[in-house]
C-alpha atoms as a PDB file:
ATOM      1  CA  MET A   1      66.341 -22.747 -89.124  1.00  0.00           C
ATOM      2  CA  LEU A   2      63.979 -20.104 -90.528  1.00  0.00           C
ATOM      3  CA  LYS A   3      65.535 -17.077 -92.178  1.00  0.00           C
ATOM      4  CA  ILE A   4      63.576 -14.124 -93.589  1.00  0.00           C
ATOM      5  CA  GLU A   5      65.335 -11.527 -95.751  1.00  0.00           C
ATOM      6  CA  ASN A   6      63.897  -8.420 -97.438  1.00  0.00           C
ATOM      7  CA  LEU A   7      60.372  -9.821 -97.311  1.00  0.00           C
ATOM      8  CA  HIS A   8      57.642  -7.826 -99.034  1.00  0.00           C
ATOM      9  CA  ALA A   9      54.028  -8.978 -99.128  1.00  0.00           C
ATOM     10  CA  TYR A  10      50.960  -7.782-100.980  1.00  0.00           C
ATOM     11  CA  TYR A  11      47.181  -8.086-100.973  1.00  0.00           C
ATOM     12  CA  GLY A  12      46.402  -7.169-104.547  1.00  0.00           C
ATOM     13  CA  LYS A  13      47.852  -3.673-104.966  1.00  0.00           C
ATOM     14  CA  GLY A  14      48.185  -3.213-101.213  1.00  0.00           C
ATOM     15  CA  HIS A  15      51.840  -3.322-100.117  1.00  0.00           C
ATOM     16  CA  VAL A  16      51.732  -4.681 -96.543  1.00  0.00           C
ATOM     17  CA  LEU A  17      55.249  -5.875 -95.623  1.00  0.00           C
ATOM     18  CA  HIS A  18      58.264  -3.697 -96.355  1.00  0.00           C
ATOM     19  CA  GLY A  19      61.598  -5.525 -96.201  1.00  0.00           C
ATOM     20  CA  VAL A  20      61.023  -7.702 -93.117  1.00  0.00           C
ATOM     21  CA  GLU A  21      64.131  -9.513 -91.880  1.00  0.00           C
ATOM     22  CA  PHE A  22      64.620 -11.904 -88.944  1.00  0.00           C
ATOM     23  CA  GLU A  23      65.606 -15.467 -88.025  1.00  0.00           C
ATOM     24  CA  VAL A  24      64.263 -18.167 -85.737  1.00  0.00           C
ATOM     25  CA  GLY A  25      66.815 -20.666 -84.439  1.00  0.00           C
ATOM     26  CA  GLN A  26      66.352 -24.243 -83.310  1.00  0.00           C
ATOM     27  CA  GLY A  27      64.514 -24.563 -80.000  1.00  0.00           C
ATOM     28  CA  GLU A  28      64.034 -20.799 -79.803  1.00  0.00           C
ATOM     29  CA  ILE A  29      60.846 -18.932 -78.867  1.00  0.00           C
ATOM     30  CA  VAL A  30      60.642 -15.636 -80.761  1.00  0.00           C
ATOM     31  CA  ALA A  31      57.781 -13.239 -79.983  1.00  0.00           C
ATOM     32  CA  LEU A  32      56.503 -11.113 -82.875  1.00  0.00           C
ATOM     33  CA  LEU A  33      54.848  -8.102 -81.273  1.00  0.00           C
ATOM     34  CA  GLY A  34      53.043  -5.029 -82.540  1.00  0.00           C
ATOM     35  CA  ARG A  35      49.699  -3.313 -82.767  1.00  0.00           C
ATOM     36  CA  ASN A  36      46.835  -4.593 -84.902  1.00  0.00           C
ATOM     37  CA  GLY A  37      47.547  -3.874 -88.564  1.00  0.00           C
ATOM     38  CA  SER A  38      51.325  -3.817 -88.132  1.00  0.00           C
ATOM     39  CA  GLY A  39      51.827  -6.834 -90.403  1.00  0.00           C
ATOM     40  CA  ARG A  40      52.353  -9.679 -87.918  1.00  0.00           C
ATOM     41  CA  SER A  41      49.672 -12.039 -89.283  1.00  0.00           C
ATOM     42  CA  THR A  42      50.661 -11.212 -92.851  1.00  0.00           C
ATOM     43  CA  THR A  43      54.221 -12.239 -92.010  1.00  0.00           C
ATOM     44  CA  ALA A  44      52.957 -15.644 -90.831  1.00  0.00           C
ATOM     45  CA  LYS A  45      50.832 -16.065 -93.952  1.00  0.00           C
ATOM     46  CA  ALA A  46      53.751 -15.114 -96.187  1.00  0.00           C
ATOM     47  CA  ILE A  47      55.925 -17.772 -94.555  1.00  0.00           C
ATOM     48  CA  MET A  48      53.183 -20.345 -95.168  1.00  0.00           C
ATOM     49  CA  GLY A  49      52.765 -19.340 -98.834  1.00  0.00           C
ATOM     50  CA  MET A  50      49.282 -17.887 -98.296  1.00  0.00           C
ATOM     51  CA  VAL A  51      49.906 -14.353 -99.605  1.00  0.00           C
ATOM     52  CA  GLU A  52      51.838 -12.943-102.559  1.00  0.00           C
ATOM     53  CA  ASN A  53      55.387 -12.070-101.492  1.00  0.00           C
ATOM     54  CA  THR A  54      58.893 -11.310-102.697  1.00  0.00           C
ATOM     55  CA  GLY A  55      62.282 -11.458-101.003  1.00  0.00           C
ATOM     56  CA  SER A  56      63.753 -14.557 -99.411  1.00  0.00           C
ATOM     57  CA  ILE A  57      62.291 -17.179 -97.058  1.00  0.00           C
ATOM     58  CA  THR A  58      64.542 -20.139 -96.336  1.00  0.00           C
ATOM     59  CA  TRP A  59      63.946 -23.150 -94.112  1.00  0.00           C
ATOM     60  CA  LYS A  60      67.036 -25.059 -93.005  1.00  0.00           C
ATOM     61  CA  GLY A  61      68.950 -23.422 -95.845  1.00  0.00           C
ATOM     62  CA  GLN A  62      66.427 -24.237 -98.602  1.00  0.00           C
ATOM     63  CA  PRO A  63      64.115 -21.658-100.253  1.00  0.00           C
ATOM     64  CA  ILE A  64      60.427 -22.350 -99.651  1.00  0.00           C
ATOM     65  CA  GLN A  65      58.800 -19.513-101.573  1.00  0.00           C
ATOM     66  CA  GLY A  66      56.433 -20.653-104.287  1.00  0.00           C
ATOM     67  CA  ARG A  67      55.483 -23.825-102.461  1.00  0.00           C
ATOM     68  CA  LYS A  68      51.913 -24.648-101.506  1.00  0.00           C
ATOM     69  CA  PRO A  69      50.957 -24.293 -97.815  1.00  0.00           C
ATOM     70  CA  TYR A  70      50.597 -28.074 -97.386  1.00  0.00           C
ATOM     71  CA  GLU A  71      54.069 -28.579 -98.890  1.00  0.00           C
ATOM     72  CA  ILE A  72      55.523 -26.096 -96.408  1.00  0.00           C
ATOM     73  CA  ALA A  73      53.738 -27.909 -93.588  1.00  0.00           C
ATOM     74  CA  HIS A  74      55.215 -31.223 -94.735  1.00  0.00           C
ATOM     75  CA  LEU A  75      58.682 -29.676 -94.522  1.00  0.00           C
ATOM     76  CA  GLY A  76      58.170 -29.257 -90.763  1.00  0.00           C
ATOM     77  CA  ILE A  77      56.508 -25.854 -90.253  1.00  0.00           C
ATOM     78  CA  GLY A  78      53.217 -25.881 -88.354  1.00  0.00           C
ATOM     79  CA  TYR A  79      50.760 -22.981 -88.389  1.00  0.00           C
ATOM     80  CA  VAL A  80      48.055 -22.172 -85.846  1.00  0.00           C
ATOM     81  CA  PRO A  81      45.904 -19.379 -87.319  1.00  0.00           C
ATOM     82  CA  GLU A  82      44.139 -16.768 -85.231  1.00  0.00           C
ATOM     83  CA  ASN A  83      40.678 -17.986 -86.289  1.00  0.00           C
ATOM     84  CA  ARG A  84      41.430 -21.522 -84.941  1.00  0.00           C
ATOM     85  CA  ASP A  85      40.030 -23.417 -87.971  1.00  0.00           C
ATOM     86  CA  ILE A  86      38.822 -26.543 -86.197  1.00  0.00           C
ATOM     87  CA  PHE A  87      36.575 -29.017 -88.007  1.00  0.00           C
ATOM     88  CA  PRO A  88      33.295 -28.456 -86.132  1.00  0.00           C
ATOM     89  CA  LYS A  89      31.268 -31.515 -87.190  1.00  0.00           C
ATOM     90  CA  ILE A  90      33.758 -34.177 -86.135  1.00  0.00           C
ATOM     91  CA  THR A  91      34.993 -35.088 -82.666  1.00  0.00           C
ATOM     92  CA  VAL A  92      37.986 -33.744 -80.788  1.00  0.00           C
ATOM     93  CA  HIS A  93      39.843 -37.028 -81.301  1.00  0.00           C
ATOM     94  CA  GLN A  94      39.052 -37.079 -85.016  1.00  0.00           C
ATOM     95  CA  ASN A  95      40.393 -33.523 -85.325  1.00  0.00           C
ATOM     96  CA  LEU A  96      43.649 -34.702 -83.756  1.00  0.00           C
ATOM     97  CA  MET A  97      43.754 -37.681 -86.124  1.00  0.00           C
ATOM     98  CA  LEU A  98      43.564 -35.315 -89.114  1.00  0.00           C
ATOM     99  CA  GLY A  99      46.707 -33.575 -87.898  1.00  0.00           C
ATOM    100  CA  GLN A 100      48.628 -36.804 -87.407  1.00  0.00           C
ATOM    101  CA  LYS A 101      51.616 -37.751 -89.509  1.00  0.00           C
ATOM    102  CA  SER A 102      51.485 -40.760 -91.796  1.00  0.00           C
ATOM    103  CA  SER A 103      51.200 -44.007 -89.865  1.00  0.00           C
ATOM    104  CA  LYS A 104      54.622 -44.976 -91.227  1.00  0.00           C
ATOM    105  CA  GLN A 105      56.229 -41.992 -89.499  1.00  0.00           C
ATOM    106  CA  VAL A 106      56.691 -41.787 -85.754  1.00  0.00           C
ATOM    107  CA  GLY A 107      56.456 -38.233 -84.393  1.00  0.00           C
ATOM    108  CA  ARG A 108      57.524 -36.905 -81.025  1.00  0.00           C
ATOM    109  CA  TRP A 109      53.913 -36.303 -79.952  1.00  0.00           C
ATOM    110  CA  SER A 110      51.134 -38.798 -79.191  1.00  0.00           C
ATOM    111  CA  PHE A 111      47.433 -38.563 -78.361  1.00  0.00           C
ATOM    112  CA  ASP A 112      48.373 -39.260 -74.735  1.00  0.00           C
ATOM    113  CA  ASP A 113      50.774 -36.300 -74.773  1.00  0.00           C
ATOM    114  CA  MET A 114      47.989 -33.999 -75.968  1.00  0.00           C
ATOM    115  CA  TYR A 115      45.520 -35.276 -73.373  1.00  0.00           C
ATOM    116  CA  THR A 116      48.124 -35.026 -70.614  1.00  0.00           C
ATOM    117  CA  MET A 117      48.879 -31.388 -71.479  1.00  0.00           C
ATOM    118  CA  PHE A 118      45.207 -30.507 -71.812  1.00  0.00           C
ATOM    119  CA  PRO A 119      43.068 -32.892 -69.702  1.00  0.00           C
ATOM    120  CA  ARG A 120      39.941 -31.025 -70.755  1.00  0.00           C
ATOM    121  CA  LEU A 121      40.426 -32.307 -74.309  1.00  0.00           C
ATOM    122  CA  LYS A 122      40.594 -35.879 -72.991  1.00  0.00           C
ATOM    123  CA  GLU A 123      37.305 -35.341 -71.192  1.00  0.00           C
ATOM    124  CA  ARG A 124      35.741 -34.126 -74.421  1.00  0.00           C
ATOM    125  CA  GLN A 125      37.547 -36.344 -76.925  1.00  0.00           C
ATOM    126  CA  HIS A 126      34.286 -37.847 -78.232  1.00  0.00           C
ATOM    127  CA  THR A 127      32.483 -34.469 -78.403  1.00  0.00           C
ATOM    128  CA  GLU A 128      31.955 -32.596 -81.682  1.00  0.00           C
ATOM    129  CA  ALA A 129      34.556 -29.850 -81.841  1.00  0.00           C
ATOM    130  CA  GLY A 130      32.010 -27.233 -82.841  1.00  0.00           C
ATOM    131  CA  VAL A 131      30.435 -27.174 -79.371  1.00  0.00           C
ATOM    132  CA  LEU A 132      33.710 -26.573 -77.512  1.00  0.00           C
ATOM    133  CA  SER A 133      34.342 -23.260 -75.809  1.00  0.00           C
ATOM    134  CA  GLY A 134      36.775 -20.789 -77.394  1.00  0.00           C
ATOM    135  CA  GLY A 135      39.546 -21.846 -75.048  1.00  0.00           C
ATOM    136  CA  GLU A 136      38.967 -25.513 -75.739  1.00  0.00           C
ATOM    137  CA  GLN A 137      39.011 -24.883 -79.493  1.00  0.00           C
ATOM    138  CA  GLN A 138      42.315 -23.047 -79.105  1.00  0.00           C
ATOM    139  CA  MET A 139      43.774 -26.025 -77.212  1.00  0.00           C
ATOM    140  CA  LEU A 140      42.519 -28.345 -79.930  1.00  0.00           C
ATOM    141  CA  THR A 141      44.017 -26.293 -82.761  1.00  0.00           C
ATOM    142  CA  LEU A 142      47.374 -26.171 -81.026  1.00  0.00           C
ATOM    143  CA  CYS A 143      47.352 -29.904 -80.387  1.00  0.00           C
ATOM    144  CA  ARG A 144      46.195 -30.808 -83.895  1.00  0.00           C
ATOM    145  CA  THR A 145      49.111 -28.838 -85.329  1.00  0.00           C
ATOM    146  CA  LEU A 146      51.546 -30.602 -82.994  1.00  0.00           C
ATOM    147  CA  MET A 147      50.313 -34.011 -84.137  1.00  0.00           C
ATOM    148  CA  GLY A 148      51.989 -33.240 -87.471  1.00  0.00           C
ATOM    149  CA  ASP A 149      55.317 -33.152 -85.567  1.00  0.00           C
ATOM    150  CA  PRO A 150      56.542 -29.706 -86.744  1.00  0.00           C
ATOM    151  CA  GLU A 151      60.044 -28.497 -86.009  1.00  0.00           C
ATOM    152  CA  LEU A 152      58.779 -24.904 -86.011  1.00  0.00           C
ATOM    153  CA  ILE A 153      55.297 -23.795 -85.008  1.00  0.00           C
ATOM    154  CA  ILE A 154      53.900 -20.379 -85.917  1.00  0.00           C
ATOM    155  CA  ILE A 155      51.133 -19.440 -83.487  1.00  0.00           C
ATOM    156  CA  ASP A 156      48.938 -16.401 -84.159  1.00  0.00           C
ATOM    157  CA  GLU A 157      47.337 -14.844 -81.041  1.00  0.00           C
ATOM    158  CA  PRO A 158      46.937 -18.085 -79.056  1.00  0.00           C
ATOM    159  CA  THR A 159      45.602 -16.297 -75.947  1.00  0.00           C
ATOM    160  CA  GLU A 160      43.028 -14.082 -77.690  1.00  0.00           C
ATOM    161  CA  GLY A 161      39.756 -14.162 -75.761  1.00  0.00           C
ATOM    162  CA  LEU A 162      40.968 -16.739 -73.228  1.00  0.00           C
ATOM    163  CA  ALA A 163      40.469 -16.676 -69.472  1.00  0.00           C
ATOM    164  CA  PRO A 164      43.590 -15.890 -67.389  1.00  0.00           C
ATOM    165  CA  LYS A 165      43.964 -19.489 -66.174  1.00  0.00           C
ATOM    166  CA  ILE A 166      43.880 -20.779 -69.752  1.00  0.00           C
ATOM    167  CA  VAL A 167      46.419 -18.120 -70.772  1.00  0.00           C
ATOM    168  CA  GLU A 168      48.763 -19.483 -68.099  1.00  0.00           C
ATOM    169  CA  LEU A 169      48.162 -23.012 -69.416  1.00  0.00           C
ATOM    170  CA  VAL A 170      49.048 -21.941 -72.958  1.00  0.00           C
ATOM    171  CA  GLY A 171      52.239 -20.344 -71.676  1.00  0.00           C
ATOM    172  CA  GLU A 172      53.260 -23.594 -69.980  1.00  0.00           C
ATOM    173  CA  TYR A 173      52.398 -25.486 -73.159  1.00  0.00           C
ATOM    174  CA  LEU A 174      54.718 -23.260 -75.197  1.00  0.00           C
ATOM    175  CA  LYS A 175      57.564 -23.832 -72.769  1.00  0.00           C
ATOM    176  CA  THR A 176      56.958 -27.570 -73.128  1.00  0.00           C
ATOM    177  CA  LEU A 177      57.441 -27.211 -76.881  1.00  0.00           C
ATOM    178  CA  LYS A 178      60.795 -25.540 -76.360  1.00  0.00           C
ATOM    179  CA  ALA A 179      61.854 -28.291 -73.951  1.00  0.00           C
ATOM    180  CA  LYS A 180      61.208 -30.800 -76.747  1.00  0.00           C
ATOM    181  CA  GLY A 181      63.306 -28.817 -79.223  1.00  0.00           C
ATOM    182  CA  VAL A 182      60.435 -27.212 -81.160  1.00  0.00           C
ATOM    183  CA  SER A 183      60.992 -23.640 -82.305  1.00  0.00           C
ATOM    184  CA  VAL A 184      58.135 -21.161 -81.845  1.00  0.00           C
ATOM    185  CA  LEU A 185      57.259 -17.929 -83.651  1.00  0.00           C
ATOM    186  CA  LEU A 186      54.663 -16.441 -81.302  1.00  0.00           C
ATOM    187  CA  ILE A 187      52.427 -13.636 -82.557  1.00  0.00           C
ATOM    188  CA  GLU A 188      50.933 -12.152 -79.435  1.00  0.00           C
ATOM    189  CA  GLN A 189      49.501  -8.904 -78.069  1.00  0.00           C
ATOM    190  CA  LYS A 190      49.697  -9.811 -74.385  1.00  0.00           C
ATOM    191  CA  LEU A 191      53.173  -8.552 -73.548  1.00  0.00           C
ATOM    192  CA  THR A 192      53.267 -10.223 -70.135  1.00  0.00           C
ATOM    193  CA  ILE A 193      53.166 -13.788 -71.463  1.00  0.00           C
ATOM    194  CA  ALA A 194      55.225 -13.020 -74.570  1.00  0.00           C
ATOM    195  CA  MET A 195      58.036 -11.394 -72.582  1.00  0.00           C
ATOM    196  CA  ALA A 196      57.983 -14.100 -69.909  1.00  0.00           C
ATOM    197  CA  ILE A 197      58.569 -17.086 -72.212  1.00  0.00           C
ATOM    198  CA  SER A 198      60.447 -15.679 -75.234  1.00  0.00           C
ATOM    199  CA  ASP A 199      64.165 -15.777 -75.948  1.00  0.00           C
ATOM    200  CA  ARG A 200      63.908 -12.831 -78.307  1.00  0.00           C
ATOM    201  CA  ALA A 201      61.312 -10.201 -79.128  1.00  0.00           C
ATOM    202  CA  LEU A 202      60.607  -8.601 -82.483  1.00  0.00           C
ATOM    203  CA  VAL A 203      58.441  -5.504 -82.758  1.00  0.00           C
ATOM    204  CA  MET A 204      56.660  -4.652 -86.013  1.00  0.00           C
ATOM    205  CA  GLY A 205      55.403  -1.287 -87.134  1.00  0.00           C
ATOM    206  CA  HIS A 206      53.970  -0.329 -90.516  1.00  0.00           C
ATOM    207  CA  GLY A 207      55.075  -3.622 -92.059  1.00  0.00           C
ATOM    208  CA  SER A 208      58.706  -3.518 -90.897  1.00  0.00           C
ATOM    209  CA  ILE A 209      60.740  -4.792 -87.962  1.00  0.00           C
ATOM    210  CA  VAL A 210      61.500  -1.810 -85.741  1.00  0.00           C
ATOM    211  CA  PHE A 211      63.079  -3.739 -82.845  1.00  0.00           C
ATOM    212  CA  ASN A 212      64.957  -7.042 -82.540  1.00  0.00           C
ATOM    213  CA  GLY A 213      66.404  -7.917 -79.152  1.00  0.00           C
ATOM    214  CA  THR A 214      65.945  -9.648 -75.824  1.00  0.00           C
ATOM    215  CA  PRO A 215      62.826  -9.165 -73.687  1.00  0.00           C
ATOM    216  CA  ASP A 216      64.977  -7.389 -71.086  1.00  0.00           C
ATOM    217  CA  THR A 217      66.236  -4.931 -73.683  1.00  0.00           C
ATOM    218  CA  LEU A 218      62.673  -4.244 -74.815  1.00  0.00           C
ATOM    219  CA  ARG A 219      61.528  -3.710 -71.222  1.00  0.00           C
ATOM    220  CA  ALA A 220      64.264  -1.087 -70.878  1.00  0.00           C
ATOM    221  CA  ASP A 221      63.389   0.693 -74.151  1.00  0.00           C
ATOM    222  CA  ALA A 222      60.574   3.040 -73.210  1.00  0.00           C
ATOM    223  CA  TYR A 223      60.586   4.728 -76.623  1.00  0.00           C
ATOM    224  CA  ILE A 224      59.938   1.527 -78.586  1.00  0.00           C
ATOM    225  CA  ARG A 225      57.218   0.427 -76.198  1.00  0.00           C
ATOM    226  CA  LYS A 226      55.441   3.797 -76.283  1.00  0.00           C
ATOM    227  CA  GLU A 227      55.819   4.343 -80.040  1.00  0.00           C
ATOM    228  CA  TRP A 228      54.965   0.856 -81.313  1.00  0.00           C
ATOM    229  CA  LEU A 229      53.247  -1.193 -78.591  1.00  0.00           C
ATOM    230  CA  GLU A 230      51.363   0.776 -75.998  1.00  0.00           C
ATOM    231  CA  VAL A 231      47.804   1.906 -76.715  1.00  0.00           C
END
């Protein structure tokens, strides 16, 4: 579905990505791993048209470079940024409404689906989003993105700062996405959850992919883990 070839990305004169290449197939969870500063978030932003880039990004065989972020989203790619980006002055339910597809289009997700997955959001559906806890805001951002019915969802550090029980809940949520045929590109530092739910693992270092294989292969590769992942 998503194919990246020879991707380079820049912030002004800063050359951040150096020939990144990988694919994400339908219904596949791919973990994008690496230390801070390795280029993982920049890769997500390049896919979404948010940073200057060259190379090739294709979605279902069609090039998407040069499109605006909202155009890319309308093609079926959802993006959950690390900073969560909720709308703080409106309610939880109104945030979900903003993510919803046009009323003429029927998506695979409903408000009931969101509230079933995350009962805490149902309890707080009439509460202003700005007063939610960090974990609740993360749940809300994930659900708001799903309401747009993406075929691929790019999630940047979904478990950052969350309590262990909420981390487990997010992991179950991601497996639910796969069960419904949604592809996931998961940017994550917590290796335990990433390795447990992913079909494939990519490791980034200095703006390039230095490993592409199964979680089991990565577990067995002590050199890659020590050189590019372990602190």
